[in-house]
Amino acid sequence: MKTRIVVSGALALVIGLSACTSDEGRFLNLTSGEEVDIVRNDEGEMVDRETKKPVLLYVDTKEKDTFYGITGEKVNGNLHVLDNDVYVYEEGDQQVKIDGDEYKILDGDAKIKWDADGSEYKYKDDNLKVKEEDGELKIKRDGYKKKVDEDGDIKIETRDKKIKIDGETGERKVKEQSIFSKAKDKITGNK
């Protein structure tokens, strides 16, 4: 009888200690309000263990700290609530606005926007504009444009050339152009 009581007591102690060290319910996804199990992925971002999606902001309920999930950095005191589920994190000249699963970053003259699920990405500064959405990529800067369709077709336009490359066959077409041919194309609607 004494052996059973000692074994039962030891078992209760082990179960009690393991429950105290469990991280279940420890992390709270700030943008969704749900408990989440967080792990670091291969890129160093903090992600939901189950969905593998980045967790943009989360609270460690045990330590009472708030973290920026992309870097894992504490953001206590640098985080401002604008509205329900809209947060702004400021670090020096950089300002990060987090609205649900969407990031917007202002860093000097650069603006960056992307969705956590990777479906959309935009970058813009004084010299460059990049947009990636629905499998399509567009790059634009002074005197240069590039577009890659989801099927792999590529269109490049410079000041003096238009280049088209078929994504399947690799066939390449080059059209020389001058400022006069550009004006004519705009008037006639030719591309």
Protein backbone atom coordinates (compact mmCIF):
# COMPACT_ATOMS: atom_id res chain seq x y z
CA MET A 1 0.00 0.00 0.00
CA LYS A 2 2.85 2.41 0.89
CA THR A 3 4.55 1.61 -2.42
CA ARG A 4 1.45 2.57 -4.39
CA ILE A 5 1.09 5.86 -2.52
CA VAL A 6 4.76 6.76 -3.14
CA VAL A 7 4.52 5.82 -6.84
CA SER A 8 1.22 7.70 -7.20
CA GLY A 9 2.72 10.72 -5.43
CA ALA A 10 5.82 10.67 -7.68
CA LEU A 11 3.64 10.36 -10.78
CA ALA A 12 1.50 13.32 -9.68
CA LEU A 13 4.67 15.37 -9.09
CA VAL A 14 6.06 14.54 -12.57
CA ILE A 15 2.74 15.39 -14.24
CA GLY A 16 2.47 18.61 -12.24
CA LEU A 17 6.00 19.72 -13.14
CA SER A 18 5.56 18.93 -16.82
CA ALA A 19 2.32 20.94 -16.88
CA CYS A 20 4.14 23.89 -15.32
CA THR A 21 6.89 23.82 -17.95
CA SER A 22 4.55 23.43 -20.91
CA ASP A 23 4.57 26.30 -23.42
CA GLU A 24 0.96 25.59 -24.39
CA GLY A 25 -0.90 28.90 -24.43
CA ARG A 26 2.33 30.78 -23.84
CA PHE A 27 2.34 32.75 -27.10
CA LEU A 28 -0.48 34.95 -28.37
CA ASN A 29 -0.62 36.07 -32.01
CA LEU A 30 -1.33 39.77 -31.55
CA THR A 31 -2.86 40.32 -34.98
CA SER A 32 -5.27 37.36 -34.79
CA GLY A 33 -5.77 37.20 -31.02
CA GLU A 34 -5.27 33.41 -31.06
CA GLU A 35 -2.87 31.26 -29.06
CA VAL A 36 -0.07 29.98 -31.27
CA ASP A 37 2.86 27.58 -31.03
CA ILE A 38 5.85 29.50 -32.41
CA VAL A 39 9.06 28.14 -33.96
CA ARG A 40 11.91 29.73 -35.95
CA ASN A 41 11.95 28.73 -39.65
CA ASP A 42 15.05 28.27 -41.87
CA GLU A 43 15.02 31.99 -42.78
CA GLY A 44 15.07 32.98 -39.10
CA GLU A 45 11.46 34.19 -38.99
CA MET A 46 9.10 33.22 -36.21
CA VAL A 47 6.26 31.14 -37.68
CA ASP A 48 3.21 29.21 -36.53
CA ARG A 49 4.36 25.60 -36.08
CA GLU A 50 1.10 24.27 -37.53
CA THR A 51 0.55 26.56 -40.55
CA LYS A 52 4.20 27.57 -41.17
CA LYS A 53 2.93 31.14 -41.78
CA PRO A 54 4.90 34.05 -40.29
CA VAL A 55 3.57 35.46 -37.03
CA LEU A 56 4.04 39.21 -37.42
CA LEU A 57 3.55 40.22 -33.79
CA TYR A 58 3.24 37.96 -30.79
CA VAL A 59 3.16 38.21 -27.01
CA ASP A 60 5.07 35.88 -24.71
CA THR A 61 2.44 35.64 -21.95
CA LYS A 62 4.94 34.09 -19.52
CA GLU A 63 7.58 36.82 -19.87
CA LYS A 64 5.06 39.62 -20.65
CA ASP A 65 7.03 40.75 -23.73
CA THR A 66 5.89 41.59 -27.26
CA PHE A 67 8.00 40.48 -30.24
CA TYR A 68 8.29 41.37 -33.93
CA GLY A 69 8.09 37.94 -35.60
CA ILE A 70 10.26 38.69 -38.63
CA THR A 71 13.34 39.30 -36.49
CA GLY A 72 12.28 37.89 -33.12
CA GLU A 73 13.18 41.27 -31.61
CA LYS A 74 11.41 42.67 -28.50
CA VAL A 75 9.26 45.65 -29.44
CA ASN A 76 8.08 46.69 -25.98
CA GLY A 77 7.66 50.48 -25.94
CA ASN A 78 8.09 50.75 -29.74
CA LEU A 79 4.65 49.43 -30.64
CA HIS A 80 1.61 51.66 -31.05
CA VAL A 81 -1.98 50.58 -31.62
CA LEU A 82 -3.74 52.63 -34.32
CA ASP A 83 -6.98 50.67 -34.48
CA ASN A 84 -8.21 47.15 -33.83
CA ASP A 85 -5.61 44.77 -35.32
CA VAL A 86 -3.55 47.67 -36.77
CA TYR A 87 -0.16 48.19 -35.14
CA VAL A 88 2.80 50.44 -35.89
CA TYR A 89 6.29 49.43 -34.83
CA GLU A 90 8.94 52.16 -34.98
CA GLU A 91 12.68 51.59 -34.94
CA GLY A 92 14.80 54.62 -35.80
CA ASP A 93 13.84 55.87 -39.28
CA GLN A 94 11.98 52.67 -40.06
CA GLN A 95 8.26 52.41 -39.41
CA VAL A 96 6.44 49.07 -39.77
CA LYS A 97 2.65 49.04 -39.97
CA ILE A 98 1.03 45.65 -39.40
CA ASP A 99 -2.60 45.24 -40.37
CA GLY A 100 -3.73 41.64 -39.98
CA ASP A 101 -1.45 39.64 -42.31
CA GLU A 102 -0.23 42.69 -44.26
CA TYR A 103 3.02 44.59 -43.64
CA LYS A 104 3.81 48.13 -44.72
CA ILE A 105 7.29 49.46 -44.09
CA LEU A 106 8.51 53.03 -44.51
CA ASP A 107 12.29 53.32 -44.42
CA GLY A 108 13.53 56.72 -45.56
CA ASP A 109 12.24 57.18 -49.12
CA ALA A 110 11.51 53.45 -49.56
CA LYS A 111 8.05 51.95 -49.18
CA ILE A 112 7.57 48.19 -48.89
CA LYS A 113 4.30 46.29 -48.70
CA TRP A 114 3.73 42.55 -48.57
CA ASP A 115 1.27 39.96 -47.38
CA ALA A 116 2.46 37.34 -44.91
CA ASP A 117 1.20 34.54 -47.15
CA GLY A 118 3.52 35.72 -49.94
CA SER A 119 0.71 36.50 -52.39
CA GLU A 120 1.73 40.14 -52.93
CA TYR A 121 4.92 42.19 -52.65
CA LYS A 122 5.56 45.83 -53.59
CA TYR A 123 8.67 47.98 -53.26
CA LYS A 124 9.00 51.62 -54.26
CA ASP A 125 11.66 54.28 -53.79
CA ASP A 126 12.86 57.29 -55.81
CA ASN A 127 14.65 55.09 -58.38
CA LEU A 128 12.93 51.71 -58.44
CA LYS A 129 9.48 50.14 -58.41
CA VAL A 130 8.93 46.37 -57.98
CA LYS A 131 5.59 44.57 -57.87
CA GLU A 132 5.02 40.85 -57.51
CA GLU A 133 1.46 39.56 -57.45
CA ASP A 134 -0.38 36.44 -58.61
CA GLY A 135 2.80 34.93 -60.11
CA GLU A 136 3.56 38.07 -62.12
CA LEU A 137 6.63 40.29 -61.59
CA LYS A 138 7.07 43.90 -62.73
CA ILE A 139 10.23 45.97 -62.34
CA LYS A 140 10.44 49.60 -63.38
CA ARG A 141 13.21 52.18 -63.10
CA ASP A 142 14.41 55.10 -65.18
CA GLY A 143 14.64 53.90 -68.78
CA TYR A 144 13.95 50.23 -67.98
CA LYS A 145 10.85 48.05 -67.59
CA LYS A 146 10.63 44.31 -67.11
CA LYS A 147 7.55 42.13 -66.83
CA VAL A 148 7.52 38.39 -66.19
CA ASP A 149 4.13 36.68 -66.56
CA GLU A 150 3.14 33.66 -64.49
CA ASP A 151 3.65 31.43 -67.56
CA GLY A 152 7.27 32.65 -67.88
CA ASP A 153 6.91 35.12 -70.76
CA ILE A 154 9.32 38.04 -70.35
CA LYS A 155 9.00 41.56 -71.75
CA ILE A 156 11.85 44.03 -71.36
CA GLU A 157 11.78 47.62 -72.54
CA THR A 158 14.77 49.96 -72.47
CA ARG A 159 15.23 53.39 -74.01
CA ASP A 160 16.21 51.89 -77.36
CA LYS A 161 14.87 48.29 -77.42
CA LYS A 162 11.86 46.11 -76.76
CA ILE A 163 12.60 42.46 -76.07
CA LYS A 164 10.07 39.64 -75.79
CA ILE A 165 11.05 36.14 -74.68
CA ASP A 166 8.58 33.27 -74.82
CA GLY A 167 8.60 31.39 -71.51
CA GLU A 168 7.99 27.98 -73.08
CA THR A 169 10.06 28.03 -76.26
CA GLY A 170 12.71 30.59 -75.33
CA GLU A 171 12.04 32.38 -78.65
CA ARG A 172 13.40 35.91 -78.49
CA LYS A 173 12.14 38.93 -80.44
CA VAL A 174 14.00 42.24 -80.38
CA LYS A 175 12.63 45.49 -81.72
CA GLU A 176 14.89 48.53 -81.99
CA GLN A 177 13.19 51.79 -81.16
CA SER A 178 13.98 55.46 -81.17
CA ILE A 179 12.21 58.32 -79.49
CA PHE A 180 10.22 58.80 -82.72
CA SER A 181 9.09 55.16 -82.85
CA LYS A 182 7.98 55.42 -79.20
CA ALA A 183 5.88 58.49 -80.01
CA LYS A 184 4.43 56.74 -83.08
CA ASP A 185 3.59 53.63 -81.00
CA LYS A 186 1.78 55.78 -78.44
CA ILE A 187 -0.26 57.51 -81.13
CA THR A 188 -1.14 54.33 -83.03
CA GLY A 189 -1.52 52.14 -79.92
CA ASN A 190 1.15 49.64 -81.05
CA LYS A 191 3.08 47.86 -78.37
